[in-house]
Each structure stands twice: as C-alpha cells, then as structure tokens.
N, C-alpha and C. Protein backbone atom coordinates (compact mmCIF):
# COMPACT_ATOMS: atom_id res chain seq x y z
N MET A 1 -2.73 26.90 -20.54
CA MET A 1 -1.68 26.00 -20.97
C MET A 1 -1.62 24.81 -20.03
N MET A 2 -1.45 23.64 -20.61
CA MET A 2 -1.36 22.41 -19.82
C MET A 2 -0.01 22.30 -19.14
N ASN A 3 -0.01 21.70 -17.96
CA ASN A 3 1.23 21.42 -17.26
C ASN A 3 1.80 20.13 -17.83
N LEU A 4 2.94 20.21 -18.48
CA LEU A 4 3.54 19.05 -19.13
C LEU A 4 4.73 18.51 -18.36
N THR A 5 4.87 18.90 -17.12
CA THR A 5 5.97 18.44 -16.29
C THR A 5 5.69 17.03 -15.79
N ILE A 6 6.68 16.16 -15.95
CA ILE A 6 6.56 14.80 -15.44
C ILE A 6 7.06 14.80 -14.00
N THR A 7 6.24 14.29 -13.12
CA THR A 7 6.59 14.18 -11.70
C THR A 7 6.34 12.74 -11.25
N GLN A 8 6.75 12.44 -10.04
CA GLN A 8 6.48 11.11 -9.51
C GLN A 8 4.98 10.86 -9.42
N ASP A 9 4.20 11.92 -9.23
CA ASP A 9 2.75 11.78 -9.10
C ASP A 9 2.04 11.47 -10.41
N ASN A 10 2.63 11.84 -11.56
CA ASN A 10 1.95 11.57 -12.83
C ASN A 10 2.72 10.62 -13.75
N LEU A 11 3.87 10.17 -13.30
CA LEU A 11 4.69 9.27 -14.11
C LEU A 11 3.93 8.01 -14.52
N TYR A 12 3.06 7.54 -13.64
CA TYR A 12 2.31 6.30 -13.92
C TYR A 12 1.52 6.37 -15.23
N LEU A 13 1.24 7.56 -15.70
CA LEU A 13 0.49 7.70 -16.95
C LEU A 13 1.32 7.28 -18.17
N LEU A 14 2.63 7.36 -18.08
CA LEU A 14 3.50 7.00 -19.19
C LEU A 14 3.86 5.52 -19.24
N LEU A 15 3.78 4.86 -18.11
CA LEU A 15 4.32 3.51 -18.01
C LEU A 15 3.57 2.43 -18.80
N PRO A 16 2.25 2.42 -18.84
CA PRO A 16 1.58 1.33 -19.57
C PRO A 16 1.96 1.21 -21.04
N SER A 17 2.08 2.31 -21.73
CA SER A 17 2.43 2.22 -23.16
C SER A 17 3.86 1.72 -23.34
N LYS A 18 4.77 2.18 -22.49
CA LYS A 18 6.15 1.70 -22.59
C LYS A 18 6.23 0.21 -22.27
N MET A 19 5.51 -0.21 -21.25
CA MET A 19 5.54 -1.62 -20.86
C MET A 19 4.88 -2.50 -21.92
N ALA A 20 3.85 -2.00 -22.58
CA ALA A 20 3.21 -2.77 -23.65
C ALA A 20 4.20 -3.02 -24.80
N TRP A 21 4.93 -1.98 -25.19
CA TRP A 21 5.96 -2.14 -26.23
C TRP A 21 6.99 -3.17 -25.80
N LEU A 22 7.47 -3.03 -24.56
CA LEU A 22 8.50 -3.94 -24.06
C LEU A 22 8.00 -5.38 -23.98
N ALA A 23 6.79 -5.57 -23.52
CA ALA A 23 6.23 -6.93 -23.42
C ALA A 23 6.11 -7.57 -24.80
N SER A 24 5.71 -6.80 -25.77
CA SER A 24 5.61 -7.31 -27.13
C SER A 24 6.99 -7.70 -27.67
N MET A 25 7.97 -6.85 -27.43
CA MET A 25 9.33 -7.13 -27.88
C MET A 25 9.89 -8.38 -27.21
N LEU A 26 9.71 -8.48 -25.90
CA LEU A 26 10.24 -9.61 -25.16
C LEU A 26 9.54 -10.91 -25.55
N SER A 27 8.24 -10.85 -25.71
CA SER A 27 7.46 -12.02 -26.11
C SER A 27 7.95 -12.56 -27.46
N GLU A 28 8.12 -11.66 -28.41
CA GLU A 28 8.56 -12.07 -29.74
C GLU A 28 10.01 -12.56 -29.73
N ASP A 29 10.86 -11.84 -29.01
CA ASP A 29 12.28 -12.16 -28.98
C ASP A 29 12.56 -13.49 -28.29
N LYS A 30 11.86 -13.77 -27.20
CA LYS A 30 12.14 -14.96 -26.41
C LYS A 30 11.14 -16.10 -26.65
N GLY A 31 10.12 -15.85 -27.47
CA GLY A 31 9.14 -16.89 -27.76
C GLY A 31 8.31 -17.28 -26.55
N ILE A 32 7.97 -16.30 -25.73
CA ILE A 32 7.15 -16.55 -24.55
C ILE A 32 5.83 -15.81 -24.68
N SER A 33 4.89 -16.13 -23.82
CA SER A 33 3.60 -15.45 -23.89
C SER A 33 3.75 -14.00 -23.43
N VAL A 34 2.83 -13.17 -23.85
CA VAL A 34 2.84 -11.77 -23.42
C VAL A 34 2.67 -11.68 -21.90
N VAL A 35 1.85 -12.55 -21.34
CA VAL A 35 1.64 -12.55 -19.88
C VAL A 35 2.96 -12.85 -19.16
N ASP A 36 3.70 -13.85 -19.64
CA ASP A 36 4.99 -14.16 -19.03
C ASP A 36 5.98 -13.00 -19.21
N ALA A 37 5.93 -12.38 -20.36
CA ALA A 37 6.80 -11.23 -20.62
C ALA A 37 6.48 -10.09 -19.65
N ILE A 38 5.20 -9.83 -19.45
CA ILE A 38 4.78 -8.77 -18.52
C ILE A 38 5.26 -9.08 -17.11
N LYS A 39 5.11 -10.33 -16.69
CA LYS A 39 5.56 -10.73 -15.35
C LYS A 39 7.05 -10.48 -15.18
N ARG A 40 7.82 -10.88 -16.18
CA ARG A 40 9.28 -10.67 -16.11
C ARG A 40 9.63 -9.19 -16.05
N LEU A 41 8.98 -8.41 -16.88
CA LEU A 41 9.29 -6.98 -16.94
C LEU A 41 8.93 -6.26 -15.66
N TYR A 42 7.74 -6.52 -15.14
CA TYR A 42 7.31 -5.80 -13.94
C TYR A 42 8.10 -6.21 -12.69
N SER A 43 8.77 -7.35 -12.73
CA SER A 43 9.57 -7.76 -11.58
C SER A 43 11.06 -7.45 -11.77
N SER A 44 11.38 -6.72 -12.82
CA SER A 44 12.78 -6.44 -13.15
C SER A 44 13.31 -5.18 -12.45
N GLU A 45 14.62 -5.12 -12.39
CA GLU A 45 15.29 -3.91 -11.87
C GLU A 45 15.03 -2.73 -12.81
N MET A 46 14.96 -3.01 -14.11
CA MET A 46 14.69 -1.95 -15.08
C MET A 46 13.37 -1.26 -14.76
N TYR A 47 12.35 -2.04 -14.41
CA TYR A 47 11.04 -1.44 -14.09
C TYR A 47 11.12 -0.62 -12.81
N LYS A 48 11.87 -1.09 -11.83
CA LYS A 48 12.04 -0.30 -10.61
C LYS A 48 12.63 1.06 -10.93
N LYS A 49 13.60 1.08 -11.83
CA LYS A 49 14.21 2.34 -12.24
C LYS A 49 13.22 3.18 -13.05
N LEU A 50 12.47 2.53 -13.92
CA LEU A 50 11.52 3.23 -14.77
C LEU A 50 10.43 3.92 -13.96
N GLN A 51 9.97 3.29 -12.89
CA GLN A 51 8.89 3.88 -12.12
C GLN A 51 9.37 4.93 -11.11
N ASP A 52 10.67 5.15 -11.05
CA ASP A 52 11.24 6.19 -10.19
C ASP A 52 11.58 7.39 -11.06
N GLU A 53 10.81 8.45 -10.93
CA GLU A 53 10.98 9.63 -11.78
C GLU A 53 12.40 10.18 -11.73
N SER A 54 13.04 10.09 -10.59
CA SER A 54 14.37 10.70 -10.44
C SER A 54 15.44 10.05 -11.32
N THR A 55 15.23 8.83 -11.79
CA THR A 55 16.19 8.17 -12.67
C THR A 55 16.11 8.70 -14.10
N LYS A 56 14.99 9.31 -14.43
CA LYS A 56 14.72 9.84 -15.78
C LYS A 56 14.67 8.73 -16.84
N TYR A 57 14.48 7.47 -16.42
CA TYR A 57 14.34 6.37 -17.38
C TYR A 57 13.12 6.56 -18.27
N TRP A 58 12.15 7.32 -17.82
CA TRP A 58 10.96 7.55 -18.63
C TRP A 58 11.30 8.29 -19.92
N HIS A 59 12.48 8.91 -19.98
CA HIS A 59 12.94 9.57 -21.21
C HIS A 59 13.31 8.55 -22.29
N LEU A 60 13.67 7.34 -21.87
CA LEU A 60 14.17 6.34 -22.81
C LEU A 60 13.04 5.72 -23.62
N GLY A 61 13.36 5.38 -24.84
CA GLY A 61 12.40 4.71 -25.71
C GLY A 61 12.40 3.21 -25.45
N PRO A 62 11.48 2.50 -26.09
CA PRO A 62 11.36 1.06 -25.87
C PRO A 62 12.63 0.27 -26.16
N VAL A 63 13.35 0.63 -27.21
CA VAL A 63 14.56 -0.13 -27.56
C VAL A 63 15.63 0.03 -26.48
N ALA A 64 15.85 1.24 -26.03
CA ALA A 64 16.84 1.48 -24.97
C ALA A 64 16.43 0.78 -23.67
N LEU A 65 15.16 0.83 -23.34
CA LEU A 65 14.68 0.15 -22.13
C LEU A 65 14.82 -1.35 -22.27
N TYR A 66 14.54 -1.88 -23.44
CA TYR A 66 14.67 -3.32 -23.67
C TYR A 66 16.13 -3.74 -23.54
N GLU A 67 17.04 -2.95 -24.08
CA GLU A 67 18.46 -3.26 -23.95
C GLU A 67 18.88 -3.23 -22.49
N GLU A 68 18.37 -2.28 -21.73
CA GLU A 68 18.65 -2.20 -20.30
C GLU A 68 18.14 -3.47 -19.60
N PHE A 69 16.93 -3.88 -19.94
CA PHE A 69 16.37 -5.11 -19.37
C PHE A 69 17.24 -6.31 -19.68
N LEU A 70 17.67 -6.45 -20.94
CA LEU A 70 18.49 -7.60 -21.34
C LEU A 70 19.83 -7.60 -20.62
N GLU A 71 20.41 -6.43 -20.40
CA GLU A 71 21.70 -6.34 -19.71
C GLU A 71 21.62 -6.85 -18.28
N GLU A 72 20.47 -6.68 -17.64
CA GLU A 72 20.36 -7.12 -16.25
C GLU A 72 20.08 -8.61 -16.12
N GLN A 73 19.75 -9.25 -17.22
CA GLN A 73 19.42 -10.69 -17.17
C GLN A 73 20.66 -11.55 -17.00
C-alpha cells in the first residue's frame, strides 16, 4: 500500500498543479501575463501559507486559494 500522508517533505509535489490553476485564474481575471501572475502568486502570503504543511492550505481548492490571495491584496 502506498503512503498517502502529506508531510512537509512531500508537499512540494502538490504545489505546481495548484499554482498553475491559480496563475491561469489570476492572468485571466486581471488581464496580465501568466508569468506576471506566477510572480505575484509565488511572492504572496497565500503561497507562504500554502507551502507550510502545518497550515493545511494544501487541502483548499484553487477557488478558495484564489479568494485567499485576493483578500490579501
């Protein structure tokens, strides 16, 4: 049986797909390039929380994460 526990050591495996969704949403919503969207997202407080397993932000879907990002702006 595979170990399906998310830890700080394997959390990085989940982040690229979530960030791709968020970058696409931000790019479309704000009319900016995907590269600019990625820069904004990776420098955000939301991303700091997302990459910290103890916050459990990795449980959240793209829409909830995007709303969190917008709230901090």
